[in-house]
């Protein structure tokens, strides 16, 4: 029997999270947001201290899907050509040499950019065109990347020696910034049992590429009321210190607020989250659910915030409380 589109999306998400749950303990919210970014055609930045299974989470996601997977370990000596590929001279016979393009590891459905802040901005920028346009340009020729295409980058927040902060332009390309926290005691008990007593189970792909594309199309096609769109825009405007809609917190502690891409990702993220719950259209509650991962890497705090010990997450929590839902028209 044919399912309603929203129930179809919920079923696909349920299969993915169930398969990932065979390996990953806890992190349910992170897994759901990671799946939502895939269905929204966005990209994710995973931030967490060592040992929180950031790399394992992404690898496990790839095993649960019928997608090609590549991992790049970012290091200080990594060059852009090591990511996007380059043209090499090839002997074609008869004393003739021709350039032949050798694709880089970026040509995969799911790309893990491990410790992305350990490489200089020159190499980090090699991802910019790929993340936005889903293509790369080498020697003046553009080459399309596989569809679907998802970049998941990891970053260690405590090791700052030998690292290069991500440029704001690249940070803005990530739909979500997801901060992994330490597991709860019961979860850590289960982690230790699973990893010290037996081997981790082998996963089987449970979702096809066609199903992923189908849900991606559903996310784009899902209807959104003007009431929800206005609320998302009001949230973003409230982070801009010079905007008439700025909150007192923004005027006091924020140097630069979020741009229009944040409004777009709030709506796309809310639509994806609604579909994953079996709903046809998102509500303002769905916007609030994705507000923190969408906005926290898009605002730049000023010196007052530093002096007061306030982080972007603290400011956004206050902004979310201050911004009221608009009246229905």
Protein backbone atom coordinates (compact mmCIF):
# COMPACT_ATOMS: atom_id res chain seq x y z
CA UNK A 1 0.00 0.00 0.00
CA UNK A 2 1.36 3.42 -0.94
CA UNK A 3 2.30 5.55 2.03
CA UNK A 4 1.57 9.25 2.42
CA UNK A 5 4.75 11.22 1.57
CA UNK A 6 5.28 12.39 5.15
CA UNK A 7 4.92 8.85 6.51
CA UNK A 8 7.28 7.63 3.80
CA UNK A 9 9.94 10.10 4.98
CA UNK A 10 9.38 9.06 8.60
CA UNK A 11 9.80 5.40 7.64
CA UNK A 12 13.06 6.07 5.80
CA UNK A 13 14.45 8.02 8.76
CA UNK A 14 13.38 5.28 11.16
CA UNK A 15 15.25 2.64 9.20
CA UNK A 16 18.41 4.74 9.12
CA UNK A 17 18.39 5.59 12.82
CA UNK A 18 17.61 1.98 13.79
CA UNK A 19 20.58 0.72 11.78
CA UNK A 20 22.91 3.40 13.18
CA UNK A 21 21.68 2.54 16.69
CA UNK A 22 23.23 -0.91 16.35
CA UNK A 23 26.65 0.76 16.62
CA UNK A 24 26.19 4.25 18.06
CA UNK A 25 24.91 4.56 21.64
CA UNK A 26 22.91 7.68 22.45
CA UNK A 27 23.41 10.90 20.42
CA UNK A 28 19.82 10.53 19.17
CA UNK A 29 19.38 14.26 18.51
CA UNK A 30 22.70 14.45 16.65
CA UNK A 31 21.79 11.45 14.47
CA UNK A 32 18.38 12.95 13.65
CA UNK A 33 19.90 16.31 12.68
CA UNK A 34 22.55 14.55 10.59
CA UNK A 35 19.84 12.70 8.68
CA UNK A 36 17.85 15.94 8.34
CA UNK A 37 20.86 17.68 6.78
CA UNK A 38 21.21 14.84 4.25
CA UNK A 39 17.54 15.15 3.28
CA UNK A 40 17.88 18.96 3.08
CA UNK A 41 20.97 18.75 0.84
CA UNK A 42 22.95 20.56 3.52
CA UNK A 43 26.31 19.90 5.17
CA UNK A 44 27.28 19.34 8.80
CA UNK A 45 30.11 20.38 11.09
CA UNK A 46 30.60 17.98 14.02
CA UNK A 47 32.41 19.49 17.00
CA UNK A 48 33.47 17.45 20.02
CA UNK A 49 36.40 16.34 22.14
CA UNK A 50 38.31 13.17 21.14
CA UNK A 51 36.63 9.86 21.80
CA UNK A 52 33.01 10.89 21.18
CA UNK A 53 32.75 8.74 18.02
CA UNK A 54 32.51 11.61 15.52
CA UNK A 55 34.32 9.66 12.81
CA UNK A 56 32.55 6.41 13.71
CA UNK A 57 29.17 8.14 13.48
CA UNK A 58 29.78 9.32 9.91
CA UNK A 59 31.24 5.98 8.83
CA UNK A 60 28.26 4.20 10.36
CA UNK A 61 25.87 6.49 8.47
CA UNK A 62 27.62 5.59 5.21
CA UNK A 63 27.27 1.87 5.97
CA UNK A 64 23.53 2.28 6.58
CA UNK A 65 23.07 3.89 3.15
CA UNK A 66 23.72 2.80 -0.43
CA UNK A 67 26.21 5.67 -0.82
CA UNK A 68 29.86 5.89 -1.77
CA UNK A 69 32.02 7.08 1.11
CA UNK A 70 35.44 8.77 1.26
CA UNK A 71 37.44 10.08 4.20
CA UNK A 72 40.06 12.83 4.04
CA UNK A 73 42.40 13.35 6.98
CA UNK A 74 43.15 17.08 6.92
CA UNK A 75 46.77 17.90 7.74
CA UNK A 76 48.93 21.06 7.44
CA UNK A 77 50.59 19.79 4.25
CA UNK A 78 47.36 18.84 2.45
CA UNK A 79 46.96 20.61 -0.91
CA UNK A 80 43.74 21.52 -2.78
CA UNK A 81 44.61 19.01 -5.52
CA UNK A 82 44.67 16.27 -2.88
CA UNK A 83 40.95 16.93 -2.43
CA UNK A 84 39.52 17.85 -5.82
CA UNK A 85 42.05 16.03 -8.03
CA UNK A 86 44.40 17.27 -10.74
CA UNK A 87 45.48 16.76 -14.32
CA UNK A 88 48.49 14.52 -14.87
CA UNK A 89 50.54 13.91 -18.00
CA UNK A 90 49.89 10.52 -19.55
CA UNK A 91 51.75 8.75 -22.33
CA UNK A 92 49.16 7.91 -25.00
CA UNK A 93 51.68 6.31 -27.36
CA UNK A 94 53.57 7.51 -30.39
CA UNK A 95 55.63 9.83 -28.24
CA UNK A 96 52.54 11.87 -27.45
CA UNK A 97 51.63 13.14 -23.97
CA UNK A 98 48.19 14.27 -22.91
CA UNK A 99 46.72 15.60 -19.70
CA UNK A 100 44.34 13.22 -17.98
CA UNK A 101 42.16 14.21 -15.06
CA UNK A 102 42.57 12.12 -11.93
CA UNK A 103 39.54 12.65 -9.65
CA UNK A 104 40.18 13.38 -5.99
CA UNK A 105 38.39 11.81 -3.01
CA UNK A 106 35.76 14.55 -3.08
CA UNK A 107 33.93 12.50 -5.71
CA UNK A 108 31.78 10.56 -3.27
CA UNK A 109 28.21 10.77 -2.01
CA UNK A 110 29.35 11.13 1.60
CA UNK A 111 32.64 12.90 2.34
CA UNK A 112 34.16 12.92 5.81
CA UNK A 113 36.51 15.89 6.24
CA UNK A 114 38.29 14.77 9.41
CA UNK A 115 39.81 17.54 11.58
CA UNK A 116 39.12 20.12 8.90
CA UNK A 117 40.71 22.93 10.95
CA UNK A 118 44.16 21.30 10.76
CA UNK A 119 44.77 22.47 7.20
CA UNK A 120 45.44 26.04 5.95
CA UNK A 121 42.63 28.21 4.49
CA UNK A 122 43.97 27.67 0.96
CA UNK A 123 43.11 23.99 1.18
CA UNK A 124 39.92 24.52 3.20
CA UNK A 125 38.66 26.78 0.41
CA UNK A 126 38.88 23.86 -2.04
CA UNK A 127 35.62 22.69 -0.51
CA UNK A 128 33.74 25.99 -1.00
CA UNK A 129 32.62 25.48 -4.61
CA UNK A 130 31.87 21.81 -4.00
CA UNK A 131 29.69 22.49 -0.96
CA UNK A 132 27.70 25.27 -2.62
CA UNK A 133 27.54 24.28 -6.29
CA UNK A 134 28.03 20.49 -6.02
CA UNK A 135 30.78 20.67 -8.63
CA UNK A 136 34.53 21.32 -8.84
CA UNK A 137 36.52 23.22 -11.43
CA UNK A 138 39.95 21.98 -12.48
CA UNK A 139 41.93 23.47 -15.39
CA UNK A 140 38.94 25.58 -16.39
CA UNK A 141 36.55 22.64 -16.68
CA UNK A 142 33.66 22.04 -14.28
CA UNK A 143 32.89 18.52 -13.16
CA UNK A 144 29.68 17.58 -11.38
CA UNK A 145 29.85 15.72 -8.09
CA UNK A 146 27.75 12.63 -7.33
CA UNK A 147 24.14 13.14 -6.27
CA UNK A 148 23.38 13.10 -3.38
CA UNK A 149 26.45 14.85 -1.96
CA UNK A 150 27.01 15.49 1.75
CA UNK A 151 30.09 16.87 3.51
CA UNK A 152 30.46 16.11 7.19
CA UNK A 153 33.47 17.83 8.76
CA UNK A 154 34.81 17.15 12.25
CA UNK A 155 36.62 19.55 14.53
CA UNK A 156 38.31 19.17 17.91
CA UNK A 157 37.52 22.22 20.11
CA UNK A 158 40.28 21.73 22.70
CA UNK A 159 43.41 21.25 20.57
CA UNK A 160 44.19 24.67 19.10
CA UNK A 161 47.94 24.33 18.50
CA UNK A 162 48.63 23.87 14.80
CA UNK A 163 45.04 24.58 13.75
CA UNK A 164 43.52 27.15 11.40
CA UNK A 165 40.08 28.62 12.23
CA UNK A 166 37.56 28.06 9.46
CA UNK A 167 36.84 31.22 7.43
CA UNK A 168 33.37 32.67 8.04
CA UNK A 169 32.51 32.13 4.35
CA UNK A 170 33.12 28.41 4.73
CA UNK A 171 31.36 28.16 8.09
CA UNK A 172 28.30 29.67 6.42
CA UNK A 173 28.24 26.78 3.95
CA UNK A 174 27.51 24.32 6.74
CA UNK A 175 23.81 23.94 7.37
CA UNK A 176 24.27 22.63 10.92
CA UNK A 177 26.97 22.99 13.53
CA UNK A 178 26.49 20.03 15.88
CA UNK A 179 28.23 19.87 19.26
CA UNK A 180 28.63 16.36 20.64
CA UNK A 181 28.54 16.14 24.42
CA UNK A 182 29.83 13.47 26.80
CA UNK A 183 27.55 10.42 27.09
CA UNK A 184 25.37 9.83 30.11
CA UNK A 185 26.56 7.22 32.63
CA UNK A 186 24.17 4.52 31.40
CA UNK A 187 25.17 5.22 27.80
CA UNK A 188 28.87 5.05 28.64
CA UNK A 189 28.28 1.71 30.40
CA UNK A 190 26.72 0.38 27.19
CA UNK A 191 29.56 1.83 25.07
CA UNK A 192 32.19 0.07 27.18
CA UNK A 193 30.30 -3.23 27.03
CA UNK A 194 29.85 -3.08 23.26
CA UNK A 195 33.47 -2.18 22.53
CA UNK A 196 35.34 -4.37 25.02
CA UNK A 197 33.32 -7.60 25.05
CA UNK A 198 32.36 -8.13 21.44
CA UNK A 199 33.01 -6.85 17.93
CA UNK A 200 30.77 -4.12 16.59
CA UNK A 201 28.04 -5.58 14.36
CA UNK A 202 28.30 -5.38 10.58
CA UNK A 203 25.64 -3.08 9.15
CA UNK A 204 23.58 -3.61 6.02
CA UNK A 205 22.47 -0.75 3.76
CA UNK A 206 18.81 -0.13 4.54
CA UNK A 207 17.99 2.87 2.34
CA UNK A 208 18.56 3.22 -1.41
CA UNK A 209 19.80 6.27 -3.31
CA UNK A 210 16.39 6.61 -4.96
CA UNK A 211 14.69 6.75 -1.55
CA UNK A 212 17.10 9.46 -0.39
CA UNK A 213 16.42 11.53 -3.51
CA UNK A 214 12.68 11.01 -3.05
CA UNK A 215 12.80 12.43 0.48
CA UNK A 216 15.04 15.29 -0.67
CA UNK A 217 12.38 16.21 -3.23
CA UNK A 218 9.69 15.97 -0.56
CA UNK A 219 11.62 18.42 1.64
CA UNK A 220 11.76 20.95 -1.19
CA UNK A 221 8.10 20.45 -2.09
CA UNK A 222 6.71 20.57 1.47
CA UNK A 223 4.41 23.58 1.97
CA UNK A 224 5.28 26.22 4.58
CA UNK A 225 2.94 28.88 5.89
CA UNK A 226 3.97 32.54 5.78
CA UNK A 227 3.55 32.56 9.55
CA UNK A 228 6.42 30.03 9.94
CA UNK A 229 8.64 31.77 7.37
CA UNK A 230 8.13 35.13 9.08
CA UNK A 231 9.07 33.60 12.44
CA UNK A 232 12.31 32.20 10.97
CA UNK A 233 13.22 35.56 9.47
CA UNK A 234 12.41 37.33 12.73
CA UNK A 235 14.80 35.00 14.57
CA UNK A 236 17.61 35.72 12.14
CA UNK A 237 16.93 39.47 12.14
CA UNK A 238 17.05 39.45 15.94
CA UNK A 239 20.73 38.40 15.79
CA UNK A 240 21.75 41.48 13.75
CA UNK A 241 22.86 44.28 16.06
CA UNK A 242 21.98 47.05 13.58
CA UNK A 243 18.61 45.63 12.59
CA UNK A 244 15.41 47.31 13.89
CA UNK A 245 14.33 43.83 15.05
CA UNK A 246 17.55 43.26 17.04
CA UNK A 247 17.10 42.19 20.64
CA UNK A 248 18.92 43.90 23.50
CA UNK A 249 21.21 40.88 23.72
CA UNK A 250 22.22 41.26 20.06
CA UNK A 251 22.89 45.00 20.40
CA UNK A 252 25.05 44.44 23.46
CA UNK A 253 26.98 41.29 22.62
CA UNK A 254 26.87 40.47 18.88
CA UNK A 255 29.27 42.02 16.37
CA UNK A 256 27.85 40.33 13.26
CA UNK A 257 24.56 38.47 12.99
CA UNK A 258 23.41 35.68 10.70
CA UNK A 259 22.81 36.24 6.99
CA UNK A 260 19.97 35.23 4.66
CA UNK A 261 21.35 31.72 4.25
CA UNK A 262 20.44 31.14 7.89
CA UNK A 263 16.79 31.92 7.12
CA UNK A 264 16.85 29.47 4.23
CA UNK A 265 18.38 26.71 6.34
CA UNK A 266 15.94 27.33 9.20
CA UNK A 267 13.05 26.63 6.84
CA UNK A 268 14.70 23.69 5.08
CA UNK A 269 15.70 22.19 8.42
CA UNK A 270 12.21 22.71 9.85
CA UNK A 271 10.64 21.06 6.80
CA UNK A 272 12.97 18.07 7.09
CA UNK A 273 12.31 17.69 10.82
CA UNK A 274 8.56 17.88 10.25
CA UNK A 275 8.66 15.17 7.57
CA UNK A 276 10.83 12.95 9.76
CA UNK A 277 8.07 13.18 12.40
CA UNK A 278 5.40 12.26 9.87
CA UNK A 279 4.02 15.80 9.47
CA UNK A 280 3.23 17.37 6.11
CA UNK A 281 4.19 20.97 6.97
CA UNK A 282 6.51 22.47 9.60
CA UNK A 283 5.43 24.52 12.59
CA UNK A 284 7.29 27.20 14.53
CA UNK A 285 8.32 24.51 17.03
CA UNK A 286 10.27 22.78 14.22
CA UNK A 287 12.06 26.06 13.48
CA UNK A 288 13.03 26.37 17.15
CA UNK A 289 14.33 22.79 17.13
CA UNK A 290 16.89 23.56 14.40
CA UNK A 291 17.58 27.18 15.41
CA UNK A 292 20.63 26.49 17.59
CA UNK A 293 22.53 24.23 15.13
CA UNK A 294 21.71 26.60 12.26
CA UNK A 295 22.63 29.86 14.00
CA UNK A 296 25.37 29.17 16.55
CA UNK A 297 28.22 29.18 14.00
CA UNK A 298 26.81 32.17 12.10
CA UNK A 299 27.03 34.88 14.75
CA UNK A 300 30.22 36.63 15.82
CA UNK A 301 30.31 37.89 19.38
CA UNK A 302 32.03 41.15 20.40
CA UNK A 303 34.50 41.97 23.17
CA UNK A 304 31.70 42.59 25.67
CA UNK A 305 30.52 39.01 25.27
CA UNK A 306 34.07 37.76 25.76
CA UNK A 307 34.42 39.85 28.92
CA UNK A 308 31.10 38.64 30.26
CA UNK A 309 31.91 35.02 29.44
CA UNK A 310 28.94 34.68 27.10
CA UNK A 311 29.06 32.21 24.22
CA UNK A 312 26.96 32.23 21.06
CA UNK A 313 24.77 29.45 22.49
CA UNK A 314 24.02 31.56 25.58
CA UNK A 315 23.01 34.54 23.48
CA UNK A 316 20.85 32.45 21.15
CA UNK A 317 19.02 30.90 24.08
CA UNK A 318 18.04 34.40 25.23
CA UNK A 319 17.09 35.46 21.70
CA UNK A 320 14.85 32.40 21.30
CA UNK A 321 13.03 33.40 24.48
CA UNK A 322 12.67 37.03 23.35
CA UNK A 323 11.38 36.55 19.80
CA UNK A 324 7.62 35.96 19.82
CA UNK A 325 5.66 34.15 17.18
CA UNK A 326 4.02 36.54 14.67
CA UNK A 327 0.27 36.85 14.59
CA UNK A 328 -1.64 34.85 12.01
CA UNK A 329 -2.77 37.00 9.12
